[in-house]
Amino acid sequence: MARNFDELLSKMSAAARAEVERRVTIKLAAMRLSEIRKQLGVTQEELAGRLGMKQASLSKLERRPDVRLSTLKRVASALGGSMEVRLRVGKRAFSLV
């Protein structure tokens, strides 16, 4: 018998739901990195060269579930941009980097 995802989530503990949310967020962030690169018209080989790494290493980086902020800053810089990290709590926002 098939169940929908909301039904499964409702049966999970708060900790398990938080872990699911954490993993989804990480996965979406990783997907966005490669999508940003593609939208900028930069190949993996080009970006890898700018970062001083091999294309295969960049491919692995784009698929990793957890990437260090320092690495993301290097990638942003290599793409000609910068990175900002903000923490939002209610209506308040704090700049972290």
N, C-alpha and C. Protein backbone atom coordinates (compact mmCIF):
# COMPACT_ATOMS: atom_id res chain seq x y z
N MET A 1 0.84 -1.17 0.00
CA MET A 1 0.00 0.00 0.00
C MET A 1 0.89 1.24 0.00
N ALA A 2 0.69 2.14 -0.95
CA ALA A 2 1.49 3.36 -1.07
C ALA A 2 1.07 4.38 -0.03
N ARG A 3 2.07 5.10 0.48
CA ARG A 3 1.81 6.18 1.43
C ARG A 3 2.37 7.46 0.84
N ASN A 4 1.74 8.58 1.19
CA ASN A 4 2.34 9.82 0.72
C ASN A 4 3.39 10.29 1.72
N PHE A 5 4.23 11.18 1.26
CA PHE A 5 5.37 11.61 2.07
C PHE A 5 4.93 12.32 3.34
N ASP A 6 3.89 13.13 3.28
CA ASP A 6 3.40 13.85 4.47
C ASP A 6 2.97 12.87 5.55
N GLU A 7 2.35 11.77 5.14
CA GLU A 7 1.92 10.76 6.11
C GLU A 7 3.14 10.13 6.79
N LEU A 8 4.16 9.83 6.01
CA LEU A 8 5.38 9.28 6.60
C LEU A 8 6.05 10.27 7.54
N LEU A 9 6.11 11.53 7.14
CA LEU A 9 6.72 12.55 8.00
C LEU A 9 5.97 12.69 9.32
N SER A 10 4.66 12.63 9.26
CA SER A 10 3.86 12.80 10.48
C SER A 10 4.11 11.70 11.50
N LYS A 11 4.59 10.56 11.06
CA LYS A 11 4.86 9.44 11.96
C LYS A 11 6.29 9.44 12.50
N MET A 12 7.12 10.36 11.99
CA MET A 12 8.52 10.43 12.43
C MET A 12 8.63 11.29 13.69
N SER A 13 9.69 11.00 14.44
CA SER A 13 9.97 11.85 15.61
C SER A 13 10.43 13.22 15.12
N ALA A 14 10.43 14.20 16.00
CA ALA A 14 10.89 15.54 15.65
C ALA A 14 12.35 15.50 15.19
N ALA A 15 13.16 14.70 15.84
CA ALA A 15 14.57 14.59 15.48
C ALA A 15 14.73 14.01 14.08
N ALA A 16 13.93 13.00 13.76
CA ALA A 16 14.01 12.37 12.44
C ALA A 16 13.54 13.35 11.36
N ARG A 17 12.47 14.11 11.64
CA ARG A 17 12.01 15.12 10.68
C ARG A 17 13.07 16.19 10.45
N ALA A 18 13.73 16.60 11.54
CA ALA A 18 14.80 17.60 11.42
C ALA A 18 15.94 17.08 10.56
N GLU A 19 16.27 15.81 10.71
CA GLU A 19 17.34 15.21 9.91
C GLU A 19 16.94 15.15 8.44
N VAL A 20 15.70 14.82 8.16
CA VAL A 20 15.22 14.80 6.78
C VAL A 20 15.34 16.20 6.19
N GLU A 21 14.90 17.20 6.93
CA GLU A 21 14.98 18.59 6.46
C GLU A 21 16.42 19.00 6.21
N ARG A 22 17.33 18.62 7.10
CA ARG A 22 18.74 18.95 6.96
C ARG A 22 19.30 18.33 5.67
N ARG A 23 18.97 17.06 5.44
CA ARG A 23 19.48 16.38 4.25
C ARG A 23 18.91 16.98 2.97
N VAL A 24 17.63 17.34 2.99
CA VAL A 24 17.01 17.96 1.81
C VAL A 24 17.68 19.30 1.52
N THR A 25 17.91 20.08 2.56
CA THR A 25 18.56 21.39 2.39
C THR A 25 19.94 21.23 1.80
N ILE A 26 20.71 20.28 2.30
CA ILE A 26 22.06 20.03 1.78
C ILE A 26 21.99 19.61 0.32
N LYS A 27 21.08 18.72 0.00
CA LYS A 27 20.96 18.23 -1.37
C LYS A 27 20.59 19.37 -2.33
N LEU A 28 19.65 20.21 -1.91
CA LEU A 28 19.26 21.33 -2.75
C LEU A 28 20.41 22.32 -2.94
N ALA A 29 21.17 22.55 -1.89
CA ALA A 29 22.32 23.45 -2.00
C ALA A 29 23.34 22.90 -2.98
N ALA A 30 23.59 21.61 -2.93
CA ALA A 30 24.55 20.99 -3.84
C ALA A 30 24.05 21.08 -5.28
N MET A 31 22.77 20.89 -5.47
CA MET A 31 22.21 20.99 -6.81
C MET A 31 22.34 22.41 -7.33
N ARG A 32 22.14 23.36 -6.47
CA ARG A 32 22.20 24.75 -6.90
C ARG A 32 23.60 25.13 -7.36
N LEU A 33 24.64 24.61 -6.73
CA LEU A 33 26.00 24.96 -7.11
C LEU A 33 26.25 24.60 -8.58
N SER A 34 25.90 23.41 -8.97
CA SER A 34 26.11 23.02 -10.37
C SER A 34 25.18 23.80 -11.30
N GLU A 35 23.97 24.09 -10.85
CA GLU A 35 23.04 24.85 -11.67
C GLU A 35 23.53 26.28 -11.88
N ILE A 36 24.08 26.89 -10.84
CA ILE A 36 24.63 28.24 -10.96
C ILE A 36 25.76 28.23 -11.99
N ARG A 37 26.65 27.25 -11.86
CA ARG A 37 27.76 27.14 -12.80
C ARG A 37 27.25 27.03 -14.23
N LYS A 38 26.25 26.17 -14.43
CA LYS A 38 25.69 25.98 -15.77
C LYS A 38 25.03 27.25 -16.29
N GLN A 39 24.28 27.94 -15.43
CA GLN A 39 23.60 29.17 -15.86
C GLN A 39 24.60 30.26 -16.24
N LEU A 40 25.78 30.22 -15.64
CA LEU A 40 26.82 31.19 -15.97
C LEU A 40 27.60 30.79 -17.21
N GLY A 41 27.27 29.63 -17.78
CA GLY A 41 27.93 29.17 -18.99
C GLY A 41 29.36 28.71 -18.77
N VAL A 42 29.63 28.20 -17.57
CA VAL A 42 30.97 27.74 -17.22
C VAL A 42 30.94 26.21 -17.14
N THR A 43 31.87 25.58 -17.81
CA THR A 43 31.94 24.12 -17.75
C THR A 43 32.67 23.69 -16.48
N GLN A 44 32.51 22.43 -16.14
CA GLN A 44 33.25 21.89 -15.00
C GLN A 44 34.74 22.01 -15.23
N GLU A 45 35.17 21.76 -16.44
CA GLU A 45 36.60 21.83 -16.75
C GLU A 45 37.15 23.25 -16.57
N GLU A 46 36.38 24.25 -17.03
CA GLU A 46 36.81 25.64 -16.87
C GLU A 46 36.90 26.03 -15.39
N LEU A 47 35.86 25.71 -14.64
CA LEU A 47 35.85 26.07 -13.23
C LEU A 47 36.93 25.32 -12.46
N ALA A 48 37.11 24.06 -12.78
CA ALA A 48 38.15 23.28 -12.12
C ALA A 48 39.52 23.92 -12.35
N GLY A 49 39.76 24.38 -13.57
CA GLY A 49 41.02 25.05 -13.88
C GLY A 49 41.21 26.32 -13.06
N ARG A 50 40.15 27.09 -12.91
CA ARG A 50 40.22 28.32 -12.10
C ARG A 50 40.51 28.01 -10.64
N LEU A 51 40.02 26.84 -10.19
CA LEU A 51 40.20 26.44 -8.79
C LEU A 51 41.49 25.66 -8.56
N GLY A 52 42.20 25.33 -9.64
CA GLY A 52 43.43 24.56 -9.51
C GLY A 52 43.18 23.11 -9.12
N MET A 53 42.08 22.56 -9.64
CA MET A 53 41.78 21.15 -9.37
C MET A 53 41.40 20.46 -10.67
N LYS A 54 41.26 19.16 -10.62
CA LYS A 54 40.85 18.39 -11.79
C LYS A 54 39.33 18.44 -11.92
N GLN A 55 38.86 18.24 -13.15
CA GLN A 55 37.42 18.24 -13.42
C GLN A 55 36.71 17.18 -12.59
N ALA A 56 37.31 16.02 -12.44
CA ALA A 56 36.69 14.93 -11.66
C ALA A 56 36.50 15.34 -10.21
N SER A 57 37.46 16.09 -9.67
CA SER A 57 37.35 16.56 -8.29
C SER A 57 36.21 17.56 -8.13
N LEU A 58 36.05 18.44 -9.12
CA LEU A 58 34.93 19.39 -9.08
C LEU A 58 33.60 18.66 -9.17
N SER A 59 33.54 17.65 -10.02
CA SER A 59 32.32 16.86 -10.14
C SER A 59 31.94 16.24 -8.80
N LYS A 60 32.92 15.69 -8.11
CA LYS A 60 32.68 15.12 -6.78
C LYS A 60 32.24 16.20 -5.81
N LEU A 61 32.87 17.36 -5.87
CA LEU A 61 32.52 18.48 -4.99
C LEU A 61 31.07 18.88 -5.19
N GLU A 62 30.65 18.97 -6.44
CA GLU A 62 29.27 19.38 -6.74
C GLU A 62 28.25 18.35 -6.25
N ARG A 63 28.67 17.12 -6.06
CA ARG A 63 27.76 16.06 -5.61
C ARG A 63 27.84 15.80 -4.11
N ARG A 64 28.80 16.43 -3.42
CA ARG A 64 28.97 16.17 -1.99
C ARG A 64 27.77 16.66 -1.20
N PRO A 65 27.37 15.94 -0.15
CA PRO A 65 26.22 16.35 0.65
C PRO A 65 26.55 17.49 1.61
N ASP A 66 27.84 17.73 1.85
CA ASP A 66 28.22 18.76 2.81
C ASP A 66 29.51 19.41 2.32
N VAL A 67 29.48 20.72 2.11
CA VAL A 67 30.63 21.44 1.58
C VAL A 67 30.99 22.55 2.56
N ARG A 68 32.27 22.71 2.84
CA ARG A 68 32.72 23.75 3.76
C ARG A 68 32.43 25.14 3.19
N LEU A 69 32.15 26.07 4.08
CA LEU A 69 31.91 27.45 3.66
C LEU A 69 33.13 28.02 2.94
N SER A 70 34.32 27.69 3.42
CA SER A 70 35.53 28.20 2.77
C SER A 70 35.63 27.71 1.33
N THR A 71 35.20 26.48 1.08
CA THR A 71 35.21 25.94 -0.29
C THR A 71 34.19 26.67 -1.15
N LEU A 72 33.00 26.90 -0.59
CA LEU A 72 31.97 27.62 -1.34
C LEU A 72 32.43 29.04 -1.68
N LYS A 73 33.15 29.67 -0.76
CA LYS A 73 33.67 31.02 -1.02
C LYS A 73 34.68 30.99 -2.17
N ARG A 74 35.53 29.96 -2.22
CA ARG A 74 36.50 29.82 -3.32
C ARG A 74 35.79 29.63 -4.65
N VAL A 75 34.74 28.81 -4.64
CA VAL A 75 33.98 28.56 -5.87
C VAL A 75 33.30 29.85 -6.32
N ALA A 76 32.68 30.56 -5.39
CA ALA A 76 32.02 31.82 -5.73
C ALA A 76 33.01 32.80 -6.35
N SER A 77 34.18 32.89 -5.75
CA SER A 77 35.21 33.79 -6.26
C SER A 77 35.67 33.36 -7.65
N ALA A 78 35.85 32.07 -7.86
CA ALA A 78 36.27 31.55 -9.16
C ALA A 78 35.22 31.80 -10.24
N LEU A 79 33.96 31.92 -9.83
CA LEU A 79 32.89 32.23 -10.77
C LEU A 79 32.71 33.73 -10.96
N GLY A 80 33.56 34.51 -10.26
CA GLY A 80 33.49 35.97 -10.40
C GLY A 80 32.51 36.61 -9.43
N GLY A 81 32.12 35.88 -8.42
CA GLY A 81 31.14 36.41 -7.47
C GLY A 81 31.66 36.40 -6.04
N SER A 82 30.75 36.53 -5.13
CA SER A 82 31.07 36.46 -3.71
C SER A 82 29.96 35.70 -3.02
N MET A 83 30.15 35.42 -1.76
CA MET A 83 29.17 34.64 -1.02
C MET A 83 28.82 35.36 0.26
N GLU A 84 27.57 35.28 0.64
CA GLU A 84 27.09 35.86 1.88
C GLU A 84 26.28 34.80 2.61
N VAL A 85 26.50 34.67 3.90
CA VAL A 85 25.72 33.73 4.71
C VAL A 85 24.94 34.54 5.74
N ARG A 86 23.65 34.31 5.78
CA ARG A 86 22.80 35.03 6.73
C ARG A 86 21.99 34.04 7.55
N LEU A 87 21.85 34.35 8.82
CA LEU A 87 21.03 33.57 9.74
C LEU A 87 19.75 34.35 9.98
N ARG A 88 18.61 33.74 9.75
CA ARG A 88 17.32 34.39 9.98
C ARG A 88 16.65 33.74 11.17
N VAL A 89 16.25 34.58 12.11
CA VAL A 89 15.52 34.13 13.28
C VAL A 89 14.29 35.03 13.38
N GLY A 90 13.14 34.46 13.07
CA GLY A 90 11.94 35.28 13.02
C GLY A 90 12.11 36.36 11.97
N LYS A 91 11.90 37.61 12.36
CA LYS A 91 12.05 38.72 11.43
C LYS A 91 13.45 39.32 11.45
N ARG A 92 14.31 38.77 12.27
CA ARG A 92 15.67 39.29 12.38
C ARG A 92 16.62 38.50 11.50
N ALA A 93 17.63 39.18 10.96
CA ALA A 93 18.64 38.53 10.13
C ALA A 93 20.01 38.99 10.59
N PHE A 94 20.95 38.05 10.58
CA PHE A 94 22.31 38.32 11.02
C PHE A 94 23.26 37.86 9.92
N SER A 95 24.24 38.71 9.59
CA SER A 95 25.25 38.33 8.62
C SER A 95 26.33 37.53 9.32
N LEU A 96 26.65 36.34 8.79
CA LEU A 96 27.63 35.46 9.41
C LEU A 96 28.98 35.50 8.72
N VAL A 97 28.99 35.76 7.44
CA VAL A 97 30.26 35.78 6.70
C VAL A 97 30.27 37.02 5.83
